[in-house]
Amino acid sequence: MIIVTGGAGFIGSNIVQGLNARGIHDILVVDDLTDGHKCVNLADADISDYVDKDDFLARIQRGDDFGQIEAVFHEGACSSTTEWDGRFVMKVNFEYTKALFAWCGSQAAPFIYASSASVYGMGPVFREAREYEQPLNMYAYSKFLFDCYLRARWPQRGQVAGLRYFNVYGPREQHKGAMASVAYHFNNQLHDSGRVRLFEGSDGHGPGEQRRDFIHVDDVVAVNLWLFDHPEVRGIFNVGTGQAQSFNDVARAAIDWHRARGVSGGIDYIPFPDDLKGSYQSFTEADMSALRKAGYDRPFMDVATGVAAYLDWLHRD
C-alpha cells in the first residue's frame, strides 16, 4: 500500500493520478474533507481506501496494522500563508509531521514530505542551507521547523526526502480559493472581464516584473515519483524550475492562449498593497543543484508551455 496524505488536495491528488497512471491503485488517501468540494479531485482516481486525517493519526499512534507500506507521500498541511493561529498551524503541520515521520521509521517506510520555498523568506538566495532560511509567517515557520527537526534526527537508514516546492500551478487547485495560483486567477479574470490584474512595481521591479519560480504540478509529481523509484536518495531538495519568470510572463501566456481562441485580453496594473510591503517575495528562484546532483535530470516546463497545458486542462470540456 502507498499512503498519500492530503490526497484530496492539490499536489496530493495529482500524485494519486501519477500513481494511477503507473497502474498503482492500492492507495490509502488521508485528508480532511470538511471542505467537501475537494472530493472532485478524486472523482476520476482509483484508490483503495480513505481515512480522515485525525482518525489516521489516532490509528498510527495506537499501533494499528496497515500492512506493508511501500511509501508515504505526506502532502497534507494547513497551507494558508495568512493563517496566524500559531497553535493550530503547529499542531497540523509540525506535530502531525513529526508523528508521521516517527511512524514511517518504525515501519521502515520511505517518507517523502512537502516542505516549502517559503522557508527562505525574502531570499535572495534559495539554497537548502540554514543560513539562507528566514521564514516570515506561521506556515513557513512550521515547515522550516520540521526541516530543522529532521536535520538533527536523520535516520541511519531508509529514505526520508523533504521537497521545498516553489510556486506550483496546474490542475486540481480550484478548491484553494485565494491561495490558488496566479495562472488560475488570471484565467478567471480573463473570463470575467478580459483583463488581468497585476501589481505595480515593487522592490525595484517594474509593473508586473516581480519574478517567481513557477513550476507546473506535473513536474512536481515527476520529482515525487522519481524519488519513489530511487529509495536510496535522501535529503531536503528544492523543487522549482531553477528559472524565475515574471508575473507578466504568466499573464501573457494566459492571454496568448485565449487570443488563439478568438478572445482578446489585456493587463491592468493595480497599486501594490500596503499590507504586503516588506513581506512579499518579489523574487524567488530555486537553486536546483542538490536535486540535479542527486541524479534527477528531467527538464522542467517553462511558463509558456506549462500555462498552455494547464488552460487546455481547465477548458477540456
C-alpha atoms as a PDB file:
ATOM      1  CA  MET A   1       0.000   0.000   0.000  1.00  0.00           C
ATOM      2  CA  ILE A   2       1.021   3.586  -0.701  1.00  0.00           C
ATOM      3  CA  ILE A   3      -0.274   6.353   1.590  1.00  0.00           C
ATOM      4  CA  VAL A   4      -0.882   9.879   0.326  1.00  0.00           C
ATOM      5  CA  THR A   5      -1.802  12.422   2.985  1.00  0.00           C
ATOM      6  CA  GLY A   6      -3.557  15.499   1.670  1.00  0.00           C
ATOM      7  CA  GLY A   7      -4.555  13.164  -1.129  1.00  0.00           C
ATOM      8  CA  ALA A   8      -7.701  15.110  -1.982  1.00  0.00           C
ATOM      9  CA  GLY A   9      -5.758  18.374  -2.161  1.00  0.00           C
ATOM     10  CA  PHE A  10      -3.856  19.985  -4.991  1.00  0.00           C
ATOM     11  CA  ILE A  11      -0.494  18.246  -5.117  1.00  0.00           C
ATOM     12  CA  GLY A  12      -1.672  15.132  -3.300  1.00  0.00           C
ATOM     13  CA  SER A  13      -4.445  14.378  -5.784  1.00  0.00           C
ATOM     14  CA  ASN A  14      -2.015  14.830  -8.672  1.00  0.00           C
ATOM     15  CA  ILE A  15       0.358  12.352  -7.041  1.00  0.00           C
ATOM     16  CA  VAL A  16      -2.568   9.901  -6.831  1.00  0.00           C
ATOM     17  CA  GLN A  17      -3.181  10.468 -10.544  1.00  0.00           C
ATOM     18  CA  GLY A  18       0.506   9.883 -11.253  1.00  0.00           C
ATOM     19  CA  LEU A  19       0.420   6.599  -9.349  1.00  0.00           C
ATOM     20  CA  ASN A  20      -2.759   5.557 -11.176  1.00  0.00           C
ATOM     21  CA  ALA A  21      -1.036   6.265 -14.493  1.00  0.00           C
ATOM     22  CA  ARG A  22       1.512   3.631 -13.479  1.00  0.00           C
ATOM     23  CA  GLY A  23      -1.259   1.134 -12.762  1.00  0.00           C
ATOM     24  CA  ILE A  24      -0.993   1.574  -8.988  1.00  0.00           C
ATOM     25  CA  HIS A  25      -4.357   1.610  -7.234  1.00  0.00           C
ATOM     26  CA  ASP A  26      -3.611   0.259  -3.755  1.00  0.00           C
ATOM     27  CA  ILE A  27      -3.547   3.780  -2.356  1.00  0.00           C
ATOM     28  CA  LEU A  28      -4.779   4.988   1.023  1.00  0.00           C
ATOM     29  CA  VAL A  29      -5.787   8.654   0.870  1.00  0.00           C
ATOM     30  CA  VAL A  30      -5.658  10.598   4.124  1.00  0.00           C
ATOM     31  CA  ASP A  31      -7.278  14.024   4.205  1.00  0.00           C
ATOM     32  CA  ASP A  32      -9.767  16.352   5.875  1.00  0.00           C
ATOM     33  CA  LEU A  33     -12.907  16.608   3.784  1.00  0.00           C
ATOM     34  CA  THR A  34     -14.598  19.250   5.901  1.00  0.00           C
ATOM     35  CA  ASP A  35     -14.493  21.149   2.615  1.00  0.00           C
ATOM     36  CA  GLY A  36     -16.283  18.523   0.595  1.00  0.00           C
ATOM     37  CA  HIS A  37     -15.605  20.364  -2.666  1.00  0.00           C
ATOM     38  CA  LYS A  38     -12.207  18.654  -2.721  1.00  0.00           C
ATOM     39  CA  CYS A  39     -13.853  15.314  -3.476  1.00  0.00           C
ATOM     40  CA  VAL A  40     -13.922  16.228  -7.179  1.00  0.00           C
ATOM     41  CA  ASN A  41     -10.124  15.922  -7.202  1.00  0.00           C
ATOM     42  CA  LEU A  42     -10.508  12.191  -6.569  1.00  0.00           C
ATOM     43  CA  ALA A  43     -13.653  11.519  -8.589  1.00  0.00           C
ATOM     44  CA  ASP A  44     -11.629  10.204 -11.541  1.00  0.00           C
ATOM     45  CA  ALA A  45      -8.996   8.448  -9.398  1.00  0.00           C
ATOM     46  CA  ASP A  46      -8.797   4.842  -8.254  1.00  0.00           C
ATOM     47  CA  ILE A  47      -7.886   4.370  -4.601  1.00  0.00           C
ATOM     48  CA  SER A  48      -8.333   1.500  -2.168  1.00  0.00           C
ATOM     49  CA  ASP A  49      -9.347   3.419   0.964  1.00  0.00           C
ATOM     50  CA  TYR A  50      -9.843   6.812   2.588  1.00  0.00           C
ATOM     51  CA  VAL A  51      -9.199   7.790   6.217  1.00  0.00           C
ATOM     52  CA  ASP A  52      -9.812  11.140   7.899  1.00  0.00           C
ATOM     53  CA  LYS A  53      -6.541  12.801   8.939  1.00  0.00           C
ATOM     54  CA  ASP A  54      -7.386  12.841  12.661  1.00  0.00           C
ATOM     55  CA  ASP A  55      -8.533   9.215  12.596  1.00  0.00           C
ATOM     56  CA  PHE A  56      -5.355   8.232  10.781  1.00  0.00           C
ATOM     57  CA  LEU A  57      -3.162   9.928  13.380  1.00  0.00           C
ATOM     58  CA  ALA A  58      -5.032   8.177  16.190  1.00  0.00           C
ATOM     59  CA  ARG A  59      -4.677   4.826  14.461  1.00  0.00           C
ATOM     60  CA  ILE A  60      -0.931   5.054  13.879  1.00  0.00           C
ATOM     61  CA  GLN A  61      -0.409   6.248  17.451  1.00  0.00           C
ATOM     62  CA  ARG A  62      -2.248   3.240  18.875  1.00  0.00           C
ATOM     63  CA  GLY A  63      -0.336   0.853  16.635  1.00  0.00           C
ATOM     64  CA  ASP A  64      -2.958  -0.252  14.105  1.00  0.00           C
ATOM     65  CA  ASP A  65      -1.632  -2.541  11.397  1.00  0.00           C
ATOM     66  CA  PHE A  66      -1.832  -1.097   7.876  1.00  0.00           C
ATOM     67  CA  GLY A  67       0.113  -3.923   6.308  1.00  0.00           C
ATOM     68  CA  GLN A  68       3.283  -3.379   4.317  1.00  0.00           C
ATOM     69  CA  ILE A  69       3.715   0.296   3.431  1.00  0.00           C
ATOM     70  CA  GLU A  70       5.591   0.861   0.197  1.00  0.00           C
ATOM     71  CA  ALA A  71       5.863   4.635   0.643  1.00  0.00           C
ATOM     72  CA  VAL A  72       4.239   7.622   2.325  1.00  0.00           C
ATOM     73  CA  PHE A  73       3.783  10.872   0.411  1.00  0.00           C
ATOM     74  CA  HIS A  74       2.974  13.474   3.065  1.00  0.00           C
ATOM     75  CA  GLU A  75       1.299  16.425   1.344  1.00  0.00           C
ATOM     76  CA  GLY A  76      -1.312  17.258   3.991  1.00  0.00           C
ATOM     77  CA  ALA A  77      -0.954  20.621   5.736  1.00  0.00           C
ATOM     78  CA  CYS A  78      -2.557  23.930   6.517  1.00  0.00           C
ATOM     79  CA  SER A  79      -1.107  25.749   3.515  1.00  0.00           C
ATOM     80  CA  SER A  80      -2.530  29.218   4.129  1.00  0.00           C
ATOM     81  CA  THR A  81       0.230  31.811   4.406  1.00  0.00           C
ATOM     82  CA  THR A  82      -2.259  34.186   6.066  1.00  0.00           C
ATOM     83  CA  GLU A  83      -3.156  31.849   8.957  1.00  0.00           C
ATOM     84  CA  TRP A  84      -1.769  33.360  12.173  1.00  0.00           C
ATOM     85  CA  ASP A  85      -3.256  30.901  14.687  1.00  0.00           C
ATOM     86  CA  GLY A  86       0.135  29.517  15.594  1.00  0.00           C
ATOM     87  CA  ARG A  87      -1.123  26.739  17.850  1.00  0.00           C
ATOM     88  CA  PHE A  88      -3.336  25.416  15.069  1.00  0.00           C
ATOM     89  CA  VAL A  89      -0.633  25.624  12.392  1.00  0.00           C
ATOM     90  CA  MET A  90       1.983  23.931  14.572  1.00  0.00           C
ATOM     91  CA  LYS A  91      -0.397  21.134  15.514  1.00  0.00           C
ATOM     92  CA  VAL A  92      -1.477  20.428  11.935  1.00  0.00           C
ATOM     93  CA  ASN A  93       1.858  20.973  10.197  1.00  0.00           C
ATOM     94  CA  PHE A  94       4.693  20.406  12.669  1.00  0.00           C
ATOM     95  CA  GLU A  95       3.373  17.954  15.274  1.00  0.00           C
ATOM     96  CA  TYR A  96       1.493  15.851  12.711  1.00  0.00           C
ATOM     97  CA  THR A  97       4.566  15.594  10.513  1.00  0.00           C
ATOM     98  CA  LYS A  98       6.752  14.587  13.473  1.00  0.00           C
ATOM     99  CA  ALA A  99       4.323  11.804  14.379  1.00  0.00           C
ATOM    100  CA  LEU A 100       4.171  10.534  10.801  1.00  0.00           C
ATOM    101  CA  PHE A 101       7.958  10.686  10.454  1.00  0.00           C
ATOM    102  CA  ALA A 102       8.377   8.571  13.586  1.00  0.00           C
ATOM    103  CA  TRP A 103       5.776   6.068  12.419  1.00  0.00           C
ATOM    104  CA  CYS A 104       7.407   5.711   8.995  1.00  0.00           C
ATOM    105  CA  GLY A 105      10.670   4.967  10.768  1.00  0.00           C
ATOM    106  CA  SER A 106       9.016   2.194  12.769  1.00  0.00           C
ATOM    107  CA  GLN A 107       7.530   0.770   9.568  1.00  0.00           C
ATOM    108  CA  ALA A 108      10.725   1.100   7.523  1.00  0.00           C
ATOM    109  CA  ALA A 109       8.599   3.043   5.020  1.00  0.00           C
ATOM    110  CA  PRO A 110      10.036   5.711   2.707  1.00  0.00           C
ATOM    111  CA  PHE A 111       8.847   9.160   3.824  1.00  0.00           C
ATOM    112  CA  ILE A 112       8.573  11.848   1.130  1.00  0.00           C
ATOM    113  CA  TYR A 113       7.112  15.054   2.519  1.00  0.00           C
ATOM    114  CA  ALA A 114       6.181  18.546   1.380  1.00  0.00           C
ATOM    115  CA  SER A 115       8.281  21.375   2.706  1.00  0.00           C
ATOM    116  CA  SER A 116       8.080  24.842   1.137  1.00  0.00           C
ATOM    117  CA  ALA A 117      10.176  27.514  -0.537  1.00  0.00           C
ATOM    118  CA  SER A 118       8.545  29.949   1.871  1.00  0.00           C
ATOM    119  CA  VAL A 119      11.207  28.925   4.422  1.00  0.00           C
ATOM    120  CA  TYR A 120      13.600  31.256   2.574  1.00  0.00           C
ATOM    121  CA  GLY A 121      11.563  34.364   3.311  1.00  0.00           C
ATOM    122  CA  MET A 122      12.708  37.298   1.187  1.00  0.00           C
ATOM    123  CA  GLY A 123      15.784  35.460  -0.112  1.00  0.00           C
ATOM    124  CA  PRO A 124      17.645  36.397  -2.247  1.00  0.00           C
ATOM    125  CA  VAL A 125      19.495  33.035  -2.069  1.00  0.00           C
ATOM    126  CA  PHE A 126      17.290  29.953  -2.323  1.00  0.00           C
ATOM    127  CA  ARG A 127      19.602  27.097  -1.409  1.00  0.00           C
ATOM    128  CA  GLU A 128      18.972  24.259   1.046  1.00  0.00           C
ATOM    129  CA  ALA A 129      21.149  25.590   3.875  1.00  0.00           C
ATOM    130  CA  ARG A 130      20.313  27.061   7.270  1.00  0.00           C
ATOM    131  CA  GLU A 131      21.999  30.415   6.611  1.00  0.00           C
ATOM    132  CA  TYR A 132      19.510  31.195   3.828  1.00  0.00           C
ATOM    133  CA  GLU A 133      16.347  30.331   5.777  1.00  0.00           C
ATOM    134  CA  GLN A 134      14.266  33.105   7.352  1.00  0.00           C
ATOM    135  CA  PRO A 135      10.519  32.256   7.436  1.00  0.00           C
ATOM    136  CA  LEU A 136       8.144  35.226   7.640  1.00  0.00           C
ATOM    137  CA  ASN A 137       4.799  33.625   8.563  1.00  0.00           C
ATOM    138  CA  MET A 138       3.427  30.708  10.570  1.00  0.00           C
ATOM    139  CA  TYR A 139       3.050  28.398   7.585  1.00  0.00           C
ATOM    140  CA  ALA A 140       6.684  28.961   6.576  1.00  0.00           C
ATOM    141  CA  TYR A 141       7.877  28.628  10.168  1.00  0.00           C
ATOM    142  CA  SER A 142       6.099  25.293  10.660  1.00  0.00           C
ATOM    143  CA  LYS A 143       7.743  23.902   7.508  1.00  0.00           C
ATOM    144  CA  PHE A 144      11.126  25.329   8.433  1.00  0.00           C
ATOM    145  CA  LEU A 145      10.980  23.907  11.947  1.00  0.00           C
ATOM    146  CA  PHE A 146      10.317  20.371  10.768  1.00  0.00           C
ATOM    147  CA  ASP A 147      13.219  20.604   8.327  1.00  0.00           C
ATOM    148  CA  CYS A 148      15.423  21.627  11.279  1.00  0.00           C
ATOM    149  CA  TYR A 149      13.961  18.819  13.425  1.00  0.00           C
ATOM    150  CA  LEU A 150      14.779  16.331  10.674  1.00  0.00           C
ATOM    151  CA  ARG A 151      18.331  17.579  10.202  1.00  0.00           C
ATOM    152  CA  ALA A 152      19.028  16.771  13.848  1.00  0.00           C
ATOM    153  CA  ARG A 153      17.457  13.310  13.586  1.00  0.00           C
ATOM    154  CA  TRP A 154      18.359  11.794  10.219  1.00  0.00           C
ATOM    155  CA  PRO A 155      17.679   8.061  10.455  1.00  0.00           C
ATOM    156  CA  GLN A 156      20.619   5.747   9.931  1.00  0.00           C
ATOM    157  CA  ARG A 157      18.813   4.038   7.075  1.00  0.00           C
ATOM    158  CA  GLY A 158      15.699   4.364   4.958  1.00  0.00           C
ATOM    159  CA  GLN A 159      14.515   7.115   2.680  1.00  0.00           C
ATOM    160  CA  VAL A 160      13.454  10.497   4.001  1.00  0.00           C
ATOM    161  CA  ALA A 161      13.101  13.340   1.497  1.00  0.00           C
ATOM    162  CA  GLY A 162      11.731  16.839   2.007  1.00  0.00           C
ATOM    163  CA  LEU A 163      10.635  18.822  -1.029  1.00  0.00           C
ATOM    164  CA  ARG A 164      10.643  22.609  -0.954  1.00  0.00           C
ATOM    165  CA  TYR A 165       8.010  23.469  -3.524  1.00  0.00           C
ATOM    166  CA  PHE A 166       8.223  26.832  -5.226  1.00  0.00           C
ATOM    167  CA  ASN A 167       5.177  28.402  -6.983  1.00  0.00           C
ATOM    168  CA  VAL A 168       3.189  25.381  -8.117  1.00  0.00           C
ATOM    169  CA  TYR A 169       0.304  25.721 -10.567  1.00  0.00           C
ATOM    170  CA  GLY A 170      -1.847  23.324 -12.524  1.00  0.00           C
ATOM    171  CA  PRO A 171      -4.889  21.022 -12.419  1.00  0.00           C
ATOM    172  CA  ARG A 172      -6.913  20.316  -9.273  1.00  0.00           C
ATOM    173  CA  GLU A 173      -6.233  23.525  -7.354  1.00  0.00           C
ATOM    174  CA  GLN A 174      -9.688  25.103  -7.764  1.00  0.00           C
ATOM    175  CA  HIS A 175     -10.652  24.473  -4.114  1.00  0.00           C
ATOM    176  CA  LYS A 176      -7.787  26.647  -2.841  1.00  0.00           C
ATOM    177  CA  GLY A 177      -9.644  29.928  -3.403  1.00  0.00           C
ATOM    178  CA  ALA A 178      -7.383  32.921  -2.798  1.00  0.00           C
ATOM    179  CA  MET A 179      -4.418  30.570  -2.340  1.00  0.00           C
ATOM    180  CA  ALA A 180      -4.747  29.159  -5.862  1.00  0.00           C
ATOM    181  CA  SER A 181      -2.030  30.035  -8.368  1.00  0.00           C
ATOM    182  CA  VAL A 182      -1.940  33.246 -10.356  1.00  0.00           C
ATOM    183  CA  ALA A 183      -2.366  31.192 -13.536  1.00  0.00           C
ATOM    184  CA  TYR A 184      -5.730  30.004 -12.214  1.00  0.00           C
ATOM    185  CA  HIS A 185      -6.790  33.513 -11.200  1.00  0.00           C
ATOM    186  CA  PHE A 186      -5.602  35.084 -14.467  1.00  0.00           C
ATOM    187  CA  ASN A 187      -7.718  32.618 -16.440  1.00  0.00           C
ATOM    188  CA  ASN A 188     -10.777  33.508 -14.346  1.00  0.00           C
ATOM    189  CA  GLN A 189     -10.109  37.230 -14.724  1.00  0.00           C
ATOM    190  CA  LEU A 190      -9.909  36.887 -18.492  1.00  0.00           C
ATOM    191  CA  HIS A 191     -13.243  35.081 -18.495  1.00  0.00           C
ATOM    192  CA  ASP A 192     -14.848  37.701 -16.259  1.00  0.00           C
ATOM    193  CA  SER A 193     -13.516  40.958 -17.710  1.00  0.00           C
ATOM    194  CA  GLY A 194     -10.958  40.259 -20.406  1.00  0.00           C
ATOM    195  CA  ARG A 195      -8.340  41.930 -18.219  1.00  0.00           C
ATOM    196  CA  VAL A 196      -5.608  40.500 -16.000  1.00  0.00           C
ATOM    197  CA  ARG A 197      -4.714  42.445 -12.845  1.00  0.00           C
ATOM    198  CA  LEU A 198      -1.080  42.648 -11.747  1.00  0.00           C
ATOM    199  CA  PHE A 199       0.692  44.658  -9.073  1.00  0.00           C
ATOM    200  CA  GLU A 200       2.547  47.813  -9.963  1.00  0.00           C
ATOM    201  CA  GLY A 201       6.288  47.845  -9.363  1.00  0.00           C
ATOM    202  CA  SER A 202       7.829  46.890  -6.013  1.00  0.00           C
ATOM    203  CA  ASP A 203      11.273  46.203  -4.537  1.00  0.00           C
ATOM    204  CA  GLY A 204      12.979  47.622  -7.605  1.00  0.00           C
ATOM    205  CA  HIS A 205      10.890  45.622 -10.076  1.00  0.00           C
ATOM    206  CA  GLY A 206       8.752  47.289 -12.736  1.00  0.00           C
ATOM    207  CA  PRO A 207       4.987  46.757 -13.069  1.00  0.00           C
ATOM    208  CA  GLY A 208       4.287  43.020 -13.196  1.00  0.00           C
ATOM    209  CA  GLU A 209       8.010  42.301 -13.300  1.00  0.00           C
ATOM    210  CA  GLN A 210       8.182  40.679  -9.874  1.00  0.00           C
ATOM    211  CA  ARG A 211       9.647  37.258 -10.589  1.00  0.00           C
ATOM    212  CA  ARG A 212       8.923  33.834  -9.156  1.00  0.00           C
ATOM    213  CA  ASP A 213       9.961  30.294  -9.901  1.00  0.00           C
ATOM    214  CA  PHE A 214       6.697  28.929 -11.337  1.00  0.00           C
ATOM    215  CA  ILE A 215       6.537  25.136 -11.666  1.00  0.00           C
ATOM    216  CA  HIS A 216       3.778  23.020 -13.201  1.00  0.00           C
ATOM    217  CA  VAL A 217       2.326  20.387 -10.888  1.00  0.00           C
ATOM    218  CA  ASP A 218       3.144  17.631 -13.399  1.00  0.00           C
ATOM    219  CA  ASP A 219       6.826  18.401 -12.852  1.00  0.00           C
ATOM    220  CA  VAL A 220       6.296  18.293  -9.089  1.00  0.00           C
ATOM    221  CA  VAL A 221       4.679  14.871  -9.403  1.00  0.00           C
ATOM    222  CA  ALA A 222       7.548  13.701 -11.609  1.00  0.00           C
ATOM    223  CA  VAL A 223      10.056  14.596  -8.866  1.00  0.00           C
ATOM    224  CA  ASN A 224       7.988  12.779  -6.223  1.00  0.00           C
ATOM    225  CA  LEU A 225       7.733   9.643  -8.350  1.00  0.00           C
ATOM    226  CA  TRP A 226      11.439   9.767  -9.213  1.00  0.00           C
ATOM    227  CA  LEU A 227      12.198   9.710  -5.507  1.00  0.00           C
ATOM    228  CA  PHE A 228       9.791   6.794  -5.140  1.00  0.00           C
ATOM    229  CA  ASP A 229      11.835   4.990  -7.821  1.00  0.00           C
ATOM    230  CA  HIS A 230      15.117   5.876  -6.095  1.00  0.00           C
ATOM    231  CA  PRO A 231      14.758   4.978  -2.404  1.00  0.00           C
ATOM    232  CA  GLU A 232      18.486   5.449  -1.924  1.00  0.00           C
ATOM    233  CA  VAL A 233      18.092   9.234  -2.379  1.00  0.00           C
ATOM    234  CA  ARG A 234      17.717  11.172   0.868  1.00  0.00           C
ATOM    235  CA  GLY A 235      17.777  14.856   1.702  1.00  0.00           C
ATOM    236  CA  ILE A 236      15.960  18.172   1.538  1.00  0.00           C
ATOM    237  CA  PHE A 237      15.556  19.396  -2.025  1.00  0.00           C
ATOM    238  CA  ASN A 238      14.249  22.463  -3.806  1.00  0.00           C
ATOM    239  CA  VAL A 239      11.559  21.724  -6.379  1.00  0.00           C
ATOM    240  CA  GLY A 240      11.315  24.551  -8.870  1.00  0.00           C
ATOM    241  CA  THR A 241      12.436  25.044 -12.446  1.00  0.00           C
ATOM    242  CA  GLY A 242      15.586  26.909 -11.489  1.00  0.00           C
ATOM    243  CA  GLN A 243      14.478  29.804 -13.715  1.00  0.00           C
ATOM    244  CA  ALA A 244      12.499  32.760 -12.362  1.00  0.00           C
ATOM    245  CA  GLN A 245       9.912  34.284 -14.676  1.00  0.00           C
ATOM    246  CA  SER A 246       7.794  37.385 -14.277  1.00  0.00           C
ATOM    247  CA  PHE A 247       4.115  37.672 -13.478  1.00  0.00           C
ATOM    248  CA  ASN A 248       3.891  39.436 -16.836  1.00  0.00           C
ATOM    249  CA  ASP A 249       5.138  36.204 -18.434  1.00  0.00           C
ATOM    250  CA  VAL A 250       2.335  34.234 -16.765  1.00  0.00           C
ATOM    251  CA  ALA A 251      -0.255  36.836 -17.759  1.00  0.00           C
ATOM    252  CA  ARG A 252       0.923  36.913 -21.370  1.00  0.00           C
ATOM    253  CA  ALA A 253       0.864  33.114 -21.560  1.00  0.00           C
ATOM    254  CA  ALA A 254      -2.770  33.125 -20.404  1.00  0.00           C
ATOM    255  CA  ILE A 255      -3.696  35.992 -22.744  1.00  0.00           C
ATOM    256  CA  ASP A 256      -1.996  34.285 -25.690  1.00  0.00           C
ATOM    257  CA  TRP A 257      -3.913  31.064 -25.007  1.00  0.00           C
ATOM    258  CA  HIS A 258      -7.240  32.930 -25.025  1.00  0.00           C
ATOM    259  CA  ARG A 259      -6.272  35.063 -28.047  1.00  0.00           C
ATOM    260  CA  ALA A 260      -5.538  31.907 -30.060  1.00  0.00           C
ATOM    261  CA  ARG A 261      -9.188  31.034 -29.483  1.00  0.00           C
ATOM    262  CA  GLY A 262     -10.515  34.400 -30.602  1.00  0.00           C
ATOM    263  CA  VAL A 263     -10.765  36.116 -27.202  1.00  0.00           C
ATOM    264  CA  SER A 264      -8.766  39.310 -26.674  1.00  0.00           C
ATOM    265  CA  GLY A 265      -7.268  40.305 -23.349  1.00  0.00           C
ATOM    266  CA  GLY A 266      -5.033  42.849 -21.663  1.00  0.00           C
ATOM    267  CA  ILE A 267      -3.255  43.751 -18.431  1.00  0.00           C
ATOM    268  CA  ASP A 268      -4.130  46.329 -15.776  1.00  0.00           C
ATOM    269  CA  TYR A 269      -1.612  47.287 -13.101  1.00  0.00           C
ATOM    270  CA  ILE A 270      -3.030  47.959  -9.648  1.00  0.00           C
ATOM    271  CA  PRO A 271      -1.395  49.643  -6.624  1.00  0.00           C
ATOM    272  CA  PHE A 272       0.831  47.412  -4.542  1.00  0.00           C
ATOM    273  CA  PRO A 273      -0.995  46.636  -1.260  1.00  0.00           C
ATOM    274  CA  ASP A 274       0.396  48.329   1.836  1.00  0.00           C
ATOM    275  CA  ASP A 275      -0.102  45.207   3.953  1.00  0.00           C
ATOM    276  CA  LEU A 276       2.246  43.202   1.706  1.00  0.00           C
ATOM    277  CA  LYS A 277       5.138  45.641   1.790  1.00  0.00           C
ATOM    278  CA  GLY A 278       8.143  44.079   3.498  1.00  0.00           C
ATOM    279  CA  SER A 279       6.708  40.558   3.445  1.00  0.00           C
ATOM    280  CA  TYR A 280       6.168  39.870  -0.260  1.00  0.00           C
ATOM    281  CA  GLN A 281       8.514  37.634  -2.215  1.00  0.00           C
ATOM    282  CA  SER A 282       9.233  39.797  -5.261  1.00  0.00           C
ATOM    283  CA  PHE A 283      11.842  37.299  -6.417  1.00  0.00           C
ATOM    284  CA  THR A 284      12.277  33.546  -5.993  1.00  0.00           C
ATOM    285  CA  GLU A 285      14.471  31.183  -7.965  1.00  0.00           C
ATOM    286  CA  ALA A 286      15.264  27.657  -6.868  1.00  0.00           C
ATOM    287  CA  ASP A 287      18.860  26.561  -6.696  1.00  0.00           C
ATOM    288  CA  MET A 288      18.364  23.126  -8.233  1.00  0.00           C
ATOM    289  CA  SER A 289      21.935  21.881  -7.847  1.00  0.00           C
ATOM    290  CA  ALA A 290      21.159  19.494  -4.951  1.00  0.00           C
ATOM    291  CA  LEU A 291      18.392  17.648  -6.816  1.00  0.00           C
ATOM    292  CA  ARG A 292      20.444  17.560 -10.017  1.00  0.00           C
ATOM    293  CA  LYS A 293      23.442  16.215  -8.108  1.00  0.00           C
ATOM    294  CA  ALA A 294      21.194  13.516  -6.626  1.00  0.00           C
ATOM    295  CA  GLY A 295      20.503  12.341 -10.177  1.00  0.00           C
ATOM    296  CA  TYR A 296      17.267  13.993 -11.321  1.00  0.00           C
ATOM    297  CA  ASP A 297      17.873  15.014 -14.936  1.00  0.00           C
ATOM    298  CA  ARG A 298      14.447  15.659 -16.442  1.00  0.00           C
ATOM    299  CA  PRO A 299      13.730  19.121 -17.896  1.00  0.00           C
ATOM    300  CA  PHE A 300      11.022  21.371 -16.435  1.00  0.00           C
ATOM    301  CA  MET A 301       8.286  23.177 -18.322  1.00  0.00           C
ATOM    302  CA  ASP A 302       8.676  26.911 -18.784  1.00  0.00           C
ATOM    303  CA  VAL A 303       5.730  29.214 -18.115  1.00  0.00           C
ATOM    304  CA  ALA A 304       4.548  29.408 -21.739  1.00  0.00           C
ATOM    305  CA  THR A 305       4.418  25.627 -22.043  1.00  0.00           C
ATOM    306  CA  GLY A 306       3.016  24.939 -18.583  1.00  0.00           C
ATOM    307  CA  VAL A 307       0.298  27.600 -18.604  1.00  0.00           C
ATOM    308  CA  ALA A 308      -0.901  26.484 -22.052  1.00  0.00           C
ATOM    309  CA  ALA A 309      -1.104  22.876 -20.843  1.00  0.00           C
ATOM    310  CA  TYR A 310      -2.965  23.977 -17.723  1.00  0.00           C
ATOM    311  CA  LEU A 311      -5.502  26.056 -19.636  1.00  0.00           C
ATOM    312  CA  ASP A 312      -6.036  23.143 -22.020  1.00  0.00           C
ATOM    313  CA  TRP A 313      -6.939  21.069 -18.962  1.00  0.00           C
ATOM    314  CA  LEU A 314      -9.194  23.749 -17.456  1.00  0.00           C
ATOM    315  CA  HIS A 315     -11.143  24.013 -20.719  1.00  0.00           C
ATOM    316  CA  ARG A 316     -11.124  20.309 -21.562  1.00  0.00           C
ATOM    317  CA  ASP A 317     -14.958  20.093 -21.535  1.00  0.00           C
END
